[in-house]
Amino acid sequence: MTMGGTPYKPYEVVKKPIENKTIYCINKTPYRNTEYLMTIQDLKDVFFPYISLEVCRRVLNALDINLFIGNSLQYQALLEAGRANVDKMPLVQVVDVMQFMPQLQYMVRGQIGQETPANKRARIS
């Protein structure tokens, strides 16, 4: 779609500041820049690099945070912006991340201990 000689794309990747970090986000609705989504890969990599993607997904599900599957134009825009491995990667709303960040941090801390098995103590008999 072209308006006034300037091409407008339905989805645009922008950098948004979240919790003093810069995140790549994409608009949720075509041609509207009011609601943004980010990949759960970026959420994990930027805020919780020490956990697996599966743990990140479990924490989001436990908090009842909605995950979205983007459309082909959203994934294409993310790829064109240099985001790798985004095909079919679930997306999460930026407002949910900002709203639930304290709970996310708390639950991720609780999950870290479950991911690594505790050292067994030697039995003294």
PDB file of N, CA and C in Angstrom:
ATOM      1  N   MET A   1       0.844  -1.176   0.000  1.00  0.00           N
ATOM      2  CA  MET A   1       0.000   0.000   0.000  1.00  0.00           C
ATOM      3  C   MET A   1       0.886   1.235   0.000  1.00  0.00           C
ATOM      4  N   THR A   2       0.562   2.196  -0.857  1.00  0.00           N
ATOM      5  CA  THR A   2       1.334   3.418  -0.951  1.00  0.00           C
ATOM      6  C   THR A   2       0.421   4.606  -0.702  1.00  0.00           C
ATOM      7  N   MET A   3       0.846   5.493   0.172  1.00  0.00           N
ATOM      8  CA  MET A   3       0.067   6.698   0.465  1.00  0.00           C
ATOM      9  C   MET A   3       0.963   7.904   0.234  1.00  0.00           C
ATOM     10  N   GLY A   4       0.584   8.752  -0.729  1.00  0.00           N
ATOM     11  CA  GLY A   4       1.349   9.966  -0.982  1.00  0.00           C
ATOM     12  C   GLY A   4       2.773   9.701  -1.426  1.00  0.00           C
ATOM     13  N   GLY A   5       3.009   8.597  -2.124  1.00  0.00           N
ATOM     14  CA  GLY A   5       4.335   8.280  -2.621  1.00  0.00           C
ATOM     15  C   GLY A   5       5.232   7.602  -1.605  1.00  0.00           C
ATOM     16  N   THR A   6       4.807   7.495  -0.362  1.00  0.00           N
ATOM     17  CA  THR A   6       5.601   6.838   0.677  1.00  0.00           C
ATOM     18  C   THR A   6       5.019   5.459   0.954  1.00  0.00           C
ATOM     19  N   PRO A   7       5.838   4.421   0.810  1.00  0.00           N
ATOM     20  CA  PRO A   7       5.300   3.078   1.065  1.00  0.00           C
ATOM     21  C   PRO A   7       5.093   2.843   2.566  1.00  0.00           C
ATOM     22  N   TYR A   8       3.918   2.409   2.926  1.00  0.00           N
ATOM     23  CA  TYR A   8       3.613   2.057   4.309  1.00  0.00           C
ATOM     24  C   TYR A   8       3.525   0.550   4.413  1.00  0.00           C
ATOM     25  N   LYS A   9       4.222   0.009   5.364  1.00  0.00           N
ATOM     26  CA  LYS A   9       4.147  -1.432   5.587  1.00  0.00           C
ATOM     27  C   LYS A   9       3.162  -1.679   6.720  1.00  0.00           C
ATOM     28  N   PRO A  10       2.415  -2.773   6.634  1.00  0.00           N
ATOM     29  CA  PRO A  10       1.436  -3.044   7.691  1.00  0.00           C
ATOM     30  C   PRO A  10       2.093  -3.307   9.041  1.00  0.00           C
ATOM     31  N   TYR A  11       3.292  -3.909   9.020  1.00  0.00           N
ATOM     32  CA  TYR A  11       3.986  -4.226  10.272  1.00  0.00           C
ATOM     33  C   TYR A  11       5.374  -3.620  10.229  1.00  0.00           C
ATOM     34  N   GLU A  12       5.761  -3.023  11.344  1.00  0.00           N
ATOM     35  CA  GLU A  12       7.049  -2.365  11.423  1.00  0.00           C
ATOM     36  C   GLU A  12       7.743  -2.764  12.720  1.00  0.00           C
ATOM     37  N   VAL A  13       9.010  -3.107  12.610  1.00  0.00           N
ATOM     38  CA  VAL A  13       9.799  -3.465  13.788  1.00  0.00           C
ATOM     39  C   VAL A  13      10.420  -2.187  14.349  1.00  0.00           C
ATOM     40  N   VAL A  14      10.213  -1.969  15.632  1.00  0.00           N
ATOM     41  CA  VAL A  14      10.765  -0.795  16.305  1.00  0.00           C
ATOM     42  C   VAL A  14      11.487  -1.244  17.575  1.00  0.00           C
ATOM     43  N   LYS A  15      12.404  -0.411  18.028  1.00  0.00           N
ATOM     44  CA  LYS A  15      13.088  -0.670  19.296  1.00  0.00           C
ATOM     45  C   LYS A  15      12.350   0.095  20.381  1.00  0.00           C
ATOM     46  N   LYS A  16      11.963  -0.615  21.442  1.00  0.00           N
ATOM     47  CA  LYS A  16      11.235  -0.006  22.551  1.00  0.00           C
ATOM     48  C   LYS A  16      12.041  -0.206  23.834  1.00  0.00           C
ATOM     49  N   PRO A  17      12.094   0.814  24.696  1.00  0.00           N
ATOM     50  CA  PRO A  17      12.758   0.639  25.990  1.00  0.00           C
ATOM     51  C   PRO A  17      11.819  -0.057  26.982  1.00  0.00           C
ATOM     52  N   ILE A  18      12.301  -1.153  27.536  1.00  0.00           N
ATOM     53  CA  ILE A  18      11.539  -1.894  28.541  1.00  0.00           C
ATOM     54  C   ILE A  18      12.495  -2.231  29.676  1.00  0.00           C
ATOM     55  N   GLU A  19      12.160  -1.800  30.878  1.00  0.00           N
ATOM     56  CA  GLU A  19      12.991  -2.095  32.058  1.00  0.00           C
ATOM     57  C   GLU A  19      14.460  -1.724  31.812  1.00  0.00           C
ATOM     58  N   ASN A  20      14.703  -0.553  31.238  1.00  0.00           N
ATOM     59  CA  ASN A  20      16.052  -0.048  30.954  1.00  0.00           C
ATOM     60  C   ASN A  20      16.825  -0.888  29.945  1.00  0.00           C
ATOM     61  N   LYS A  21      16.122  -1.651  29.145  1.00  0.00           N
ATOM     62  CA  LYS A  21      16.756  -2.430  28.080  1.00  0.00           C
ATOM     63  C   LYS A  21      16.009  -2.127  26.785  1.00  0.00           C
ATOM     64  N   THR A  22      16.681  -2.310  25.651  1.00  0.00           N
ATOM     65  CA  THR A  22      16.051  -2.044  24.362  1.00  0.00           C
ATOM     66  C   THR A  22      15.630  -3.359  23.727  1.00  0.00           C
ATOM     67  N   ILE A  23      14.365  -3.425  23.341  1.00  0.00           N
ATOM     68  CA  ILE A  23      13.780  -4.649  22.803  1.00  0.00           C
ATOM     69  C   ILE A  23      13.237  -4.385  21.404  1.00  0.00           C
ATOM     70  N   TYR A  24      13.429  -5.347  20.504  1.00  0.00           N
ATOM     71  CA  TYR A  24      12.809  -5.278  19.182  1.00  0.00           C
ATOM     72  C   TYR A  24      11.358  -5.715  19.305  1.00  0.00           C
ATOM     73  N   CYS A  25      10.443  -4.863  18.858  1.00  0.00           N
ATOM     74  CA  CYS A  25       9.009  -5.148  18.946  1.00  0.00           C
ATOM     75  C   CYS A  25       8.367  -4.952  17.582  1.00  0.00           C
ATOM     76  N   ILE A  26       7.226  -5.576  17.396  1.00  0.00           N
ATOM     77  CA  ILE A  26       6.457  -5.419  16.165  1.00  0.00           C
ATOM     78  C   ILE A  26       5.022  -5.086  16.536  1.00  0.00           C
ATOM     79  N   ASN A  27       4.400  -4.246  15.707  1.00  0.00           N
ATOM     80  CA  ASN A  27       3.024  -3.872  16.018  1.00  0.00           C
ATOM     81  C   ASN A  27       2.097  -5.074  15.885  1.00  0.00           C
ATOM     82  N   LYS A  28       1.118  -5.121  16.777  1.00  0.00           N
ATOM     83  CA  LYS A  28       0.178  -6.246  16.836  1.00  0.00           C
ATOM     84  C   LYS A  28      -0.865  -6.160  15.723  1.00  0.00           C
ATOM     85  N   THR A  29      -1.328  -4.956  15.435  1.00  0.00           N
ATOM     86  CA  THR A  29      -2.375  -4.739  14.444  1.00  0.00           C
ATOM     87  C   THR A  29      -1.781  -4.003  13.245  1.00  0.00           C
ATOM     88  N   PRO A  30      -2.117  -4.426  12.021  1.00  0.00           N
ATOM     89  CA  PRO A  30      -1.540  -3.765  10.842  1.00  0.00           C
ATOM     90  C   PRO A  30      -1.837  -2.265  10.809  1.00  0.00           C
ATOM     91  N   TYR A  31      -0.825  -1.497  10.439  1.00  0.00           N
ATOM     92  CA  TYR A  31      -0.911  -0.046  10.275  1.00  0.00           C
ATOM     93  C   TYR A  31      -1.233   0.711  11.561  1.00  0.00           C
ATOM     94  N   ARG A  32      -1.231   0.051  12.704  1.00  0.00           N
ATOM     95  CA  ARG A  32      -1.515   0.718  13.980  1.00  0.00           C
ATOM     96  C   ARG A  32      -0.334   0.494  14.913  1.00  0.00           C
ATOM     97  N   ASN A  33       0.185   1.565  15.435  1.00  0.00           N
ATOM     98  CA  ASN A  33       1.358   1.484  16.307  1.00  0.00           C
ATOM     99  C   ASN A  33       0.995   1.813  17.746  1.00  0.00           C
ATOM    100  N   THR A  34       0.004   1.094  18.266  1.00  0.00           N
ATOM    101  CA  THR A  34      -0.412   1.325  19.648  1.00  0.00           C
ATOM    102  C   THR A  34      -0.122   0.129  20.541  1.00  0.00           C
ATOM    103  N   GLU A  35      -0.157  -1.078  19.990  1.00  0.00           N
ATOM    104  CA  GLU A  35       0.127  -2.290  20.767  1.00  0.00           C
ATOM    105  C   GLU A  35       1.278  -3.031  20.097  1.00  0.00           C
ATOM    106  N   TYR A  36       2.223  -3.476  20.920  1.00  0.00           N
ATOM    107  CA  TYR A  36       3.402  -4.142  20.377  1.00  0.00           C
ATOM    108  C   TYR A  36       3.563  -5.542  20.949  1.00  0.00           C
ATOM    109  N   LEU A  37       4.204  -6.383  20.138  1.00  0.00           N
ATOM    110  CA  LEU A  37       4.539  -7.750  20.524  1.00  0.00           C
ATOM    111  C   LEU A  37       6.046  -7.917  20.461  1.00  0.00           C
ATOM    112  N   MET A  38       6.558  -8.850  21.252  1.00  0.00           N
ATOM    113  CA  MET A  38       7.967  -9.230  21.173  1.00  0.00           C
ATOM    114  C   MET A  38       8.041 -10.749  21.195  1.00  0.00           C
ATOM    115  N   THR A  39       9.122 -11.316  20.653  1.00  0.00           N
ATOM    116  CA  THR A  39       9.254 -12.773  20.666  1.00  0.00           C
ATOM    117  C   THR A  39       9.635 -13.227  22.069  1.00  0.00           C
ATOM    118  N   ILE A  40       9.211 -14.442  22.418  1.00  0.00           N
ATOM    119  CA  ILE A  40       9.613 -14.945  23.736  1.00  0.00           C
ATOM    120  C   ILE A  40      11.110 -15.257  23.740  1.00  0.00           C
ATOM    121  N   GLN A  41      11.701 -15.464  22.549  1.00  0.00           N
ATOM    122  CA  GLN A  41      13.155 -15.650  22.460  1.00  0.00           C
ATOM    123  C   GLN A  41      13.865 -14.374  22.916  1.00  0.00           C
ATOM    124  N   ASP A  42      13.385 -13.208  22.448  1.00  0.00           N
ATOM    125  CA  ASP A  42      13.981 -11.941  22.877  1.00  0.00           C
ATOM    126  C   ASP A  42      13.744 -11.696  24.364  1.00  0.00           C
ATOM    127  N   LEU A  43      12.553 -12.032  24.845  1.00  0.00           N
ATOM    128  CA  LEU A  43      12.259 -11.894  26.278  1.00  0.00           C
ATOM    129  C   LEU A  43      13.269 -12.694  27.091  1.00  0.00           C
ATOM    130  N   LYS A  44      13.482 -13.933  26.701  1.00  0.00           N
ATOM    131  CA  LYS A  44      14.422 -14.806  27.398  1.00  0.00           C
ATOM    132  C   LYS A  44      15.852 -14.277  27.276  1.00  0.00           C
ATOM    133  N   ASP A  45      16.276 -13.959  26.038  1.00  0.00           N
ATOM    134  CA  ASP A  45      17.662 -13.544  25.806  1.00  0.00           C
ATOM    135  C   ASP A  45      18.025 -12.247  26.528  1.00  0.00           C
ATOM    136  N   VAL A  46      17.099 -11.291  26.560  1.00  0.00           N
ATOM    137  CA  VAL A  46      17.404  -9.981  27.141  1.00  0.00           C
ATOM    138  C   VAL A  46      17.260  -9.974  28.661  1.00  0.00           C
ATOM    139  N   PHE A  47      16.186 -10.564  29.165  1.00  0.00           N
ATOM    140  CA  PHE A  47      15.910 -10.469  30.602  1.00  0.00           C
ATOM    141  C   PHE A  47      16.350 -11.702  31.400  1.00  0.00           C
ATOM    142  N   PHE A  48      16.300 -12.875  30.791  1.00  0.00           N
ATOM    143  CA  PHE A  48      16.590 -14.120  31.514  1.00  0.00           C
ATOM    144  C   PHE A  48      17.504 -15.031  30.688  1.00  0.00           C
ATOM    145  N   PRO A  49      18.721 -14.592  30.356  1.00  0.00           N
ATOM    146  CA  PRO A  49      19.587 -15.381  29.462  1.00  0.00           C
ATOM    147  C   PRO A  49      20.054 -16.709  30.060  1.00  0.00           C
ATOM    148  N   TYR A  50      19.881 -16.877  31.358  1.00  0.00           N
ATOM    149  CA  TYR A  50      20.373 -18.066  32.046  1.00  0.00           C
ATOM    150  C   TYR A  50      19.328 -19.172  32.130  1.00  0.00           C
ATOM    151  N   ILE A  51      18.145 -18.989  31.545  1.00  0.00           N
ATOM    152  CA  ILE A  51      17.138 -20.057  31.553  1.00  0.00           C
ATOM    153  C   ILE A  51      16.886 -20.524  30.124  1.00  0.00           C
ATOM    154  N   SER A  52      16.264 -21.676  30.004  1.00  0.00           N
ATOM    155  CA  SER A  52      15.947 -22.202  28.677  1.00  0.00           C
ATOM    156  C   SER A  52      14.661 -21.570  28.161  1.00  0.00           C
ATOM    157  N   LEU A  53      14.452 -21.695  26.871  1.00  0.00           N
ATOM    158  CA  LEU A  53      13.227 -21.187  26.257  1.00  0.00           C
ATOM    159  C   LEU A  53      12.012 -21.914  26.812  1.00  0.00           C
ATOM    160  N   GLU A  54      12.168 -23.203  27.103  1.00  0.00           N
ATOM    161  CA  GLU A  54      11.057 -23.993  27.653  1.00  0.00           C
ATOM    162  C   GLU A  54      10.662 -23.493  29.043  1.00  0.00           C
ATOM    163  N   VAL A  55      11.629 -23.162  29.879  1.00  0.00           N
ATOM    164  CA  VAL A  55      11.329 -22.626  31.210  1.00  0.00           C
ATOM    165  C   VAL A  55      10.631 -21.277  31.068  1.00  0.00           C
ATOM    166  N   CYS A  56      11.088 -20.458  30.157  1.00  0.00           N
ATOM    167  CA  CYS A  56      10.458 -19.160  29.919  1.00  0.00           C
ATOM    168  C   CYS A  56       8.997 -19.351  29.516  1.00  0.00           C
ATOM    169  N   ARG A  57       8.745 -20.287  28.633  1.00  0.00           N
ATOM    170  CA  ARG A  57       7.380 -20.562  28.183  1.00  0.00           C
ATOM    171  C   ARG A  57       6.516 -21.068  29.348  1.00  0.00           C
ATOM    172  N   ARG A  58       7.080 -21.944  30.200  1.00  0.00           N
ATOM    173  CA  ARG A  58       6.330 -22.467  31.351  1.00  0.00           C
ATOM    174  C   ARG A  58       5.949 -21.354  32.325  1.00  0.00           C
ATOM    175  N   VAL A  59       6.878 -20.436  32.566  1.00  0.00           N
ATOM    176  CA  VAL A  59       6.609 -19.323  33.476  1.00  0.00           C
ATOM    177  C   VAL A  59       5.502 -18.433  32.905  1.00  0.00           C
ATOM    178  N   LEU A  60       5.564 -18.136  31.620  1.00  0.00           N
ATOM    179  CA  LEU A  60       4.517 -17.323  30.986  1.00  0.00           C
ATOM    180  C   LEU A  60       3.161 -18.014  31.087  1.00  0.00           C
ATOM    181  N   ASN A  61       3.143 -19.320  30.849  1.00  0.00           N
ATOM    182  CA  ASN A  61       1.885 -20.069  30.953  1.00  0.00           C
ATOM    183  C   ASN A  61       1.368 -20.091  32.387  1.00  0.00           C
ATOM    184  N   ALA A  62       2.260 -20.261  33.355  1.00  0.00           N
ATOM    185  CA  ALA A  62       1.843 -20.305  34.759  1.00  0.00           C
ATOM    186  C   ALA A  62       1.223 -18.976  35.192  1.00  0.00           C
ATOM    187  N   LEU A  63       1.703 -17.879  34.621  1.00  0.00           N
ATOM    188  CA  LEU A  63       1.159 -16.561  34.947  1.00  0.00           C
ATOM    189  C   LEU A  63      -0.059 -16.219  34.091  1.00  0.00           C
ATOM    190  N   ASP A  64      -0.461 -17.151  33.243  1.00  0.00           N
ATOM    191  CA  ASP A  64      -1.626 -16.947  32.365  1.00  0.00           C
ATOM    192  C   ASP A  64      -1.431 -15.771  31.413  1.00  0.00           C
ATOM    193  N   ILE A  65      -0.202 -15.583  30.958  1.00  0.00           N
ATOM    194  CA  ILE A  65       0.089 -14.526  29.989  1.00  0.00           C
ATOM    195  C   ILE A  65      -0.149 -15.098  28.599  1.00  0.00           C
ATOM    196  N   ASN A  66      -0.970 -14.414  27.819  1.00  0.00           N
ATOM    197  CA  ASN A  66      -1.313 -14.888  26.479  1.00  0.00           C
ATOM    198  C   ASN A  66      -0.106 -14.857  25.559  1.00  0.00           C
ATOM    199  N   LEU A  67       0.066 -15.944  24.814  1.00  0.00           N
ATOM    200  CA  LEU A  67       1.080 -16.007  23.771  1.00  0.00           C
ATOM    201  C   LEU A  67       0.366 -15.934  22.431  1.00  0.00           C
ATOM    202  N   PHE A  68       1.020 -15.329  21.471  1.00  0.00           N
ATOM    203  CA  PHE A  68       0.442 -15.148  20.148  1.00  0.00           C
ATOM    204  C   PHE A  68       1.333 -15.799  19.105  1.00  0.00           C
ATOM    205  N   ILE A  69       0.719 -16.262  18.041  1.00  0.00           N
ATOM    206  CA  ILE A  69       1.457 -16.705  16.865  1.00  0.00           C
ATOM    207  C   ILE A  69       1.259 -15.611  15.828  1.00  0.00           C
ATOM    208  N   GLY A  70       2.352 -15.062  15.343  1.00  0.00           N
ATOM    209  CA  GLY A  70       2.263 -13.981  14.374  1.00  0.00           C
ATOM    210  C   GLY A  70       1.854 -14.485  13.006  1.00  0.00           C
ATOM    211  N   ASN A  71       1.589 -13.547  12.117  1.00  0.00           N
ATOM    212  CA  ASN A  71       1.286 -13.930  10.741  1.00  0.00           C
ATOM    213  C   ASN A  71       2.554 -13.814   9.898  1.00  0.00           C
ATOM    214  N   SER A  72       2.468 -14.240   8.657  1.00  0.00           N
ATOM    215  CA  SER A  72       3.665 -14.288   7.807  1.00  0.00           C
ATOM    216  C   SER A  72       4.270 -12.901   7.599  1.00  0.00           C
ATOM    217  N   LEU A  73       3.450 -11.860   7.524  1.00  0.00           N
ATOM    218  CA  LEU A  73       3.982 -10.510   7.333  1.00  0.00           C
ATOM    219  C   LEU A  73       4.733 -10.020   8.577  1.00  0.00           C
ATOM    220  N   GLN A  74       4.258 -10.399   9.756  1.00  0.00           N
ATOM    221  CA  GLN A  74       4.968 -10.024  10.982  1.00  0.00           C
ATOM    222  C   GLN A  74       6.323 -10.720  11.046  1.00  0.00           C
ATOM    223  N   TYR A  75       6.338 -12.024  10.746  1.00  0.00           N
ATOM    224  CA  TYR A  75       7.608 -12.755  10.786  1.00  0.00           C
ATOM    225  C   TYR A  75       8.567 -12.247   9.713  1.00  0.00           C
ATOM    226  N   GLN A  76       8.032 -11.890   8.544  1.00  0.00           N
ATOM    227  CA  GLN A  76       8.867 -11.351   7.473  1.00  0.00           C
ATOM    228  C   GLN A  76       9.498 -10.026   7.910  1.00  0.00           C
ATOM    229  N   ALA A  77       8.721  -9.163   8.548  1.00  0.00           N
ATOM    230  CA  ALA A  77       9.249  -7.880   9.033  1.00  0.00           C
ATOM    231  C   ALA A  77      10.342  -8.104  10.079  1.00  0.00           C
ATOM    232  N   LEU A  78      10.136  -9.079  10.965  1.00  0.00           N
ATOM    233  CA  LEU A  78      11.157  -9.389  11.977  1.00  0.00           C
ATOM    234  C   LEU A  78      12.442  -9.888  11.321  1.00  0.00           C
ATOM    235  N   LEU A  79      12.310 -10.754  10.316  1.00  0.00           N
ATOM    236  CA  LEU A  79      13.486 -11.259   9.606  1.00  0.00           C
ATOM    237  C   LEU A  79      14.221 -10.127   8.897  1.00  0.00           C
ATOM    238  N   GLU A  80      13.469  -9.241   8.244  1.00  0.00           N
ATOM    239  CA  GLU A  80      14.081  -8.115   7.533  1.00  0.00           C
ATOM    240  C   GLU A  80      14.800  -7.172   8.492  1.00  0.00           C
ATOM    241  N   ALA A  81      14.362  -7.137   9.735  1.00  0.00           N
ATOM    242  CA  ALA A  81      15.001  -6.287  10.748  1.00  0.00           C
ATOM    243  C   ALA A  81      16.203  -6.978  11.393  1.00  0.00           C
ATOM    244  N   GLY A  82      16.537  -8.176  10.913  1.00  0.00           N
ATOM    245  CA  GLY A  82      17.714  -8.865  11.426  1.00  0.00           C
ATOM    246  C   GLY A  82      17.461  -9.815  12.574  1.00  0.00           C
ATOM    247  N   ARG A  83      16.210 -10.073  12.890  1.00  0.00           N
ATOM    248  CA  ARG A  83      15.891 -11.023  13.956  1.00  0.00           C
ATOM    249  C   ARG A  83      15.951 -12.422  13.361  1.00  0.00           C
ATOM    250  N   ALA A  84      16.729 -13.300  13.948  1.00  0.00           N
ATOM    251  CA  ALA A  84      16.912 -14.652  13.426  1.00  0.00           C
ATOM    252  C   ALA A  84      16.031 -15.647  14.172  1.00  0.00           C
ATOM    253  N   ASN A  85      15.762 -16.774  13.545  1.00  0.00           N
ATOM    254  CA  ASN A  85      15.001 -17.878  14.154  1.00  0.00           C
ATOM    255  C   ASN A  85      13.660 -17.424  14.729  1.00  0.00           C
ATOM    256  N   VAL A  86      12.928 -16.638  13.968  1.00  0.00           N
ATOM    257  CA  VAL A  86      11.649 -16.141  14.472  1.00  0.00           C
ATOM    258  C   VAL A  86      10.454 -16.887  13.901  1.00  0.00           C
ATOM    259  N   ASP A  87      10.660 -17.725  12.896  1.00  0.00           N
ATOM    260  CA  ASP A  87       9.535 -18.383  12.237  1.00  0.00           C
ATOM    261  C   ASP A  87       8.728 -19.203  13.240  1.00  0.00           C
ATOM    262  N   LYS A  88       7.469 -18.874  13.390  1.00  0.00           N
ATOM    263  CA  LYS A  88       6.519 -19.543  14.297  1.00  0.00           C
ATOM    264  C   LYS A  88       6.887 -19.391  15.772  1.00  0.00           C
ATOM    265  N   MET A  89       7.832 -18.512  16.076  1.00  0.00           N
ATOM    266  CA  MET A  89       8.197 -18.246  17.473  1.00  0.00           C
ATOM    267  C   MET A  89       7.037 -17.517  18.148  1.00  0.00           C
ATOM    268  N   PRO A  90       6.569 -18.009  19.295  1.00  0.00           N
ATOM    269  CA  PRO A  90       5.474 -17.315  19.983  1.00  0.00           C
ATOM    270  C   PRO A  90       5.856 -15.876  20.341  1.00  0.00           C
ATOM    271  N   LEU A  91       4.852 -15.032  20.334  1.00  0.00           N
ATOM    272  CA  LEU A  91       5.015 -13.622  20.668  1.00  0.00           C
ATOM    273  C   LEU A  91       4.225 -13.317  21.935  1.00  0.00           C
ATOM    274  N   VAL A  92       4.672 -12.319  22.664  1.00  0.00           N
ATOM    275  CA  VAL A  92       3.989 -11.901  23.886  1.00  0.00           C
ATOM    276  C   VAL A  92       3.801 -10.387  23.812  1.00  0.00           C
ATOM    277  N   GLN A  93       2.699  -9.893  24.367  1.00  0.00           N
ATOM    278  CA  GLN A  93       2.440  -8.454  24.346  1.00  0.00           C
ATOM    279  C   GLN A  93       3.406  -7.731  25.280  1.00  0.00           C
ATOM    280  N   VAL A  94       3.941  -6.625  24.796  1.00  0.00           N
ATOM    281  CA  VAL A  94       4.879  -5.833  25.584  1.00  0.00           C
ATOM    282  C   VAL A  94       4.215  -5.324  26.869  1.00  0.00           C
ATOM    283  N   VAL A  95       2.940  -4.927  26.793  1.00  0.00           N
ATOM    284  CA  VAL A  95       2.258  -4.440  28.009  1.00  0.00           C
ATOM    285  C   VAL A  95       2.178  -5.535  29.067  1.00  0.00           C
ATOM    286  N   ASP A  96       2.005  -6.795  28.647  1.00  0.00           N
ATOM    287  CA  ASP A  96       1.977  -7.904  29.604  1.00  0.00           C
ATOM    288  C   ASP A  96       3.344  -8.094  30.255  1.00  0.00           C
ATOM    289  N   VAL A  97       4.405  -7.984  29.447  1.00  0.00           N
ATOM    290  CA  VAL A  97       5.762  -8.133  29.990  1.00  0.00           C
ATOM    291  C   VAL A  97       6.021  -7.050  31.033  1.00  0.00           C
ATOM    292  N   MET A  98       5.658  -5.811  30.720  1.00  0.00           N
ATOM    293  CA  MET A  98       5.889  -4.711  31.661  1.00  0.00           C
ATOM    294  C   MET A  98       5.033  -4.879  32.915  1.00  0.00           C
ATOM    295  N   GLN A  99       3.793  -5.302  32.748  1.00  0.00           N
ATOM    296  CA  GLN A  99       2.891  -5.464  33.891  1.00  0.00           C
ATOM    297  C   GLN A  99       3.321  -6.609  34.800  1.00  0.00           C
ATOM    298  N   PHE A 100       3.779  -7.707  34.210  1.00  0.00           N
ATOM    299  CA  PHE A 100       4.095  -8.909  34.985  1.00  0.00           C
ATOM    300  C   PHE A 100       5.587  -9.091  35.267  1.00  0.00           C
ATOM    301  N   MET A 101       6.420  -8.090  34.973  1.00  0.00           N
ATOM    302  CA  MET A 101       7.865  -8.261  35.150  1.00  0.00           C
ATOM    303  C   MET A 101       8.247  -8.677  36.577  1.00  0.00           C
ATOM    304  N   PRO A 102       7.692  -8.080  37.640  1.00  0.00           N
ATOM    305  CA  PRO A 102       8.076  -8.549  38.986  1.00  0.00           C
ATOM    306  C   PRO A 102       7.744 -10.031  39.204  1.00  0.00           C
ATOM    307  N   GLN A 103       6.572 -10.471  38.744  1.00  0.00           N
ATOM    308  CA  GLN A 103       6.186 -11.875  38.885  1.00  0.00           C
ATOM    309  C   GLN A 103       7.065 -12.771  38.012  1.00  0.00           C
ATOM    310  N   LEU A 104       7.394 -12.307  36.810  1.00  0.00           N
ATOM    311  CA  LEU A 104       8.279 -13.083  35.929  1.00  0.00           C
ATOM    312  C   LEU A 104       9.630 -13.287  36.604  1.00  0.00           C
ATOM    313  N   GLN A 105      10.193 -12.211  37.137  1.00  0.00           N
ATOM    314  CA  GLN A 105      11.500 -12.312  37.791  1.00  0.00           C
ATOM    315  C   GLN A 105      11.448 -13.252  38.989  1.00  0.00           C
ATOM    316  N   TYR A 106      10.403 -13.147  39.790  1.00  0.00           N
ATOM    317  CA  TYR A 106      10.259 -14.009  40.964  1.00  0.00           C
ATOM    318  C   TYR A 106      10.143 -15.477  40.553  1.00  0.00           C
ATOM    319  N   MET A 107       9.296 -15.755  39.571  1.00  0.00           N
ATOM    320  CA  MET A 107       9.085 -17.147  39.159  1.00  0.00           C
ATOM    321  C   MET A 107      10.307 -17.723  38.458  1.00  0.00           C
ATOM    322  N   VAL A 108      11.018 -16.902  37.690  1.00  0.00           N
ATOM    323  CA  VAL A 108      12.231 -17.391  37.029  1.00  0.00           C
ATOM    324  C   VAL A 108      13.273 -17.755  38.077  1.00  0.00           C
ATOM    325  N   ARG A 109      13.396 -16.926  39.124  1.00  0.00           N
ATOM    326  CA  ARG A 109      14.342 -17.269  40.205  1.00  0.00           C
ATOM    327  C   ARG A 109      13.973 -18.611  40.823  1.00  0.00           C
ATOM    328  N   GLY A 110      12.690 -18.879  40.998  1.00  0.00           N
ATOM    329  CA  GLY A 110      12.241 -20.156  41.554  1.00  0.00           C
ATOM    330  C   GLY A 110      12.493 -21.322  40.621  1.00  0.00           C
ATOM    331  N   GLN A 111      12.451 -21.068  39.317  1.00  0.00           N
ATOM    332  CA  GLN A 111      12.665 -22.126  38.329  1.00  0.00           C
ATOM    333  C   GLN A 111      14.140 -22.495  38.194  1.00  0.00           C
ATOM    334  N   ILE A 112      15.029 -21.553  38.479  1.00  0.00           N
ATOM    335  CA  ILE A 112      16.461 -21.821  38.311  1.00  0.00           C
ATOM    336  C   ILE A 112      16.889 -22.984  39.187  1.00  0.00           C
ATOM    337  N   GLY A 113      16.429 -22.998  40.413  1.00  0.00           N
ATOM    338  CA  GLY A 113      16.787 -24.082  41.325  1.00  0.00           C
ATOM    339  C   GLY A 113      16.254 -25.423  40.865  1.00  0.00           C
ATOM    340  N   GLN A 114      15.129 -25.430  40.171  1.00  0.00           N
ATOM    341  CA  GLN A 114      14.542 -26.681  39.699  1.00  0.00           C
ATOM    342  C   GLN A 114      15.246 -27.211  38.460  1.00  0.00           C
ATOM    343  N   GLU A 115      15.895 -26.299  37.702  1.00  0.00           N
ATOM    344  CA  GLU A 115      16.568 -26.731  36.481  1.00  0.00           C
ATOM    345  C   GLU A 115      17.868 -27.457  36.783  1.00  0.00           C
ATOM    346  N   THR A 116      18.584 -27.015  37.812  1.00  0.00           N
ATOM    347  CA  THR A 116      19.854 -27.642  38.143  1.00  0.00           C
ATOM    348  C   THR A 116      19.659 -28.520  39.370  1.00  0.00           C
ATOM    349  N   PRO A 117      19.994 -29.785  39.274  1.00  0.00           N
ATOM    350  CA  PRO A 117      19.799 -30.672  40.417  1.00  0.00           C
ATOM    351  C   PRO A 117      20.709 -30.280  41.579  1.00  0.00           C
ATOM    352  N   ALA A 118      20.187 -30.402  42.758  1.00  0.00           N
ATOM    353  CA  ALA A 118      20.965 -30.070  43.953  1.00  0.00           C
ATOM    354  C   ALA A 118      22.063 -31.108  44.160  1.00  0.00           C
ATOM    355  N   ASN A 119      23.169 -30.655  44.718  1.00  0.00           N
ATOM    356  CA  ASN A 119      24.256 -31.581  45.019  1.00  0.00           C
ATOM    357  C   ASN A 119      23.823 -32.499  46.156  1.00  0.00           C
ATOM    358  N   LYS A 120      24.138 -33.772  45.999  1.00  0.00           N
ATOM    359  CA  LYS A 120      23.786 -34.727  47.054  1.00  0.00           C
ATOM    360  C   LYS A 120      24.859 -34.685  48.133  1.00  0.00           C
ATOM    361  N   ARG A 121      24.405 -34.777  49.352  1.00  0.00           N
ATOM    362  CA  ARG A 121      25.346 -34.816  50.466  1.00  0.00           C
ATOM    363  C   ARG A 121      25.826 -36.245  50.665  1.00  0.00           C
ATOM    364  N   ALA A 122      27.058 -36.339  51.075  1.00  0.00           N
ATOM    365  CA  ALA A 122      27.611 -37.665  51.358  1.00  0.00           C
ATOM    366  C   ALA A 122      26.977 -38.203  52.634  1.00  0.00           C
ATOM    367  N   ARG A 123      26.604 -39.462  52.596  1.00  0.00           N
ATOM    368  CA  ARG A 123      25.990 -40.080  53.772  1.00  0.00           C
ATOM    369  C   ARG A 123      27.097 -40.511  54.733  1.00  0.00           C
ATOM    370  N   ILE A 124      26.932 -40.122  55.973  1.00  0.00           N
ATOM    371  CA  ILE A 124      27.898 -40.515  56.995  1.00  0.00           C
ATOM    372  C   ILE A 124      27.234 -41.587  57.848  1.00  0.00           C
ATOM    373  N   SER A 125      27.819 -42.789  57.822  1.00  0.00           N
ATOM    374  CA  SER A 125      27.204 -43.851  58.620  1.00  0.00           C
ATOM    375  C   SER A 125      28.217 -44.584  59.443  1.00  0.00           C
TER     376      SER A 125
END
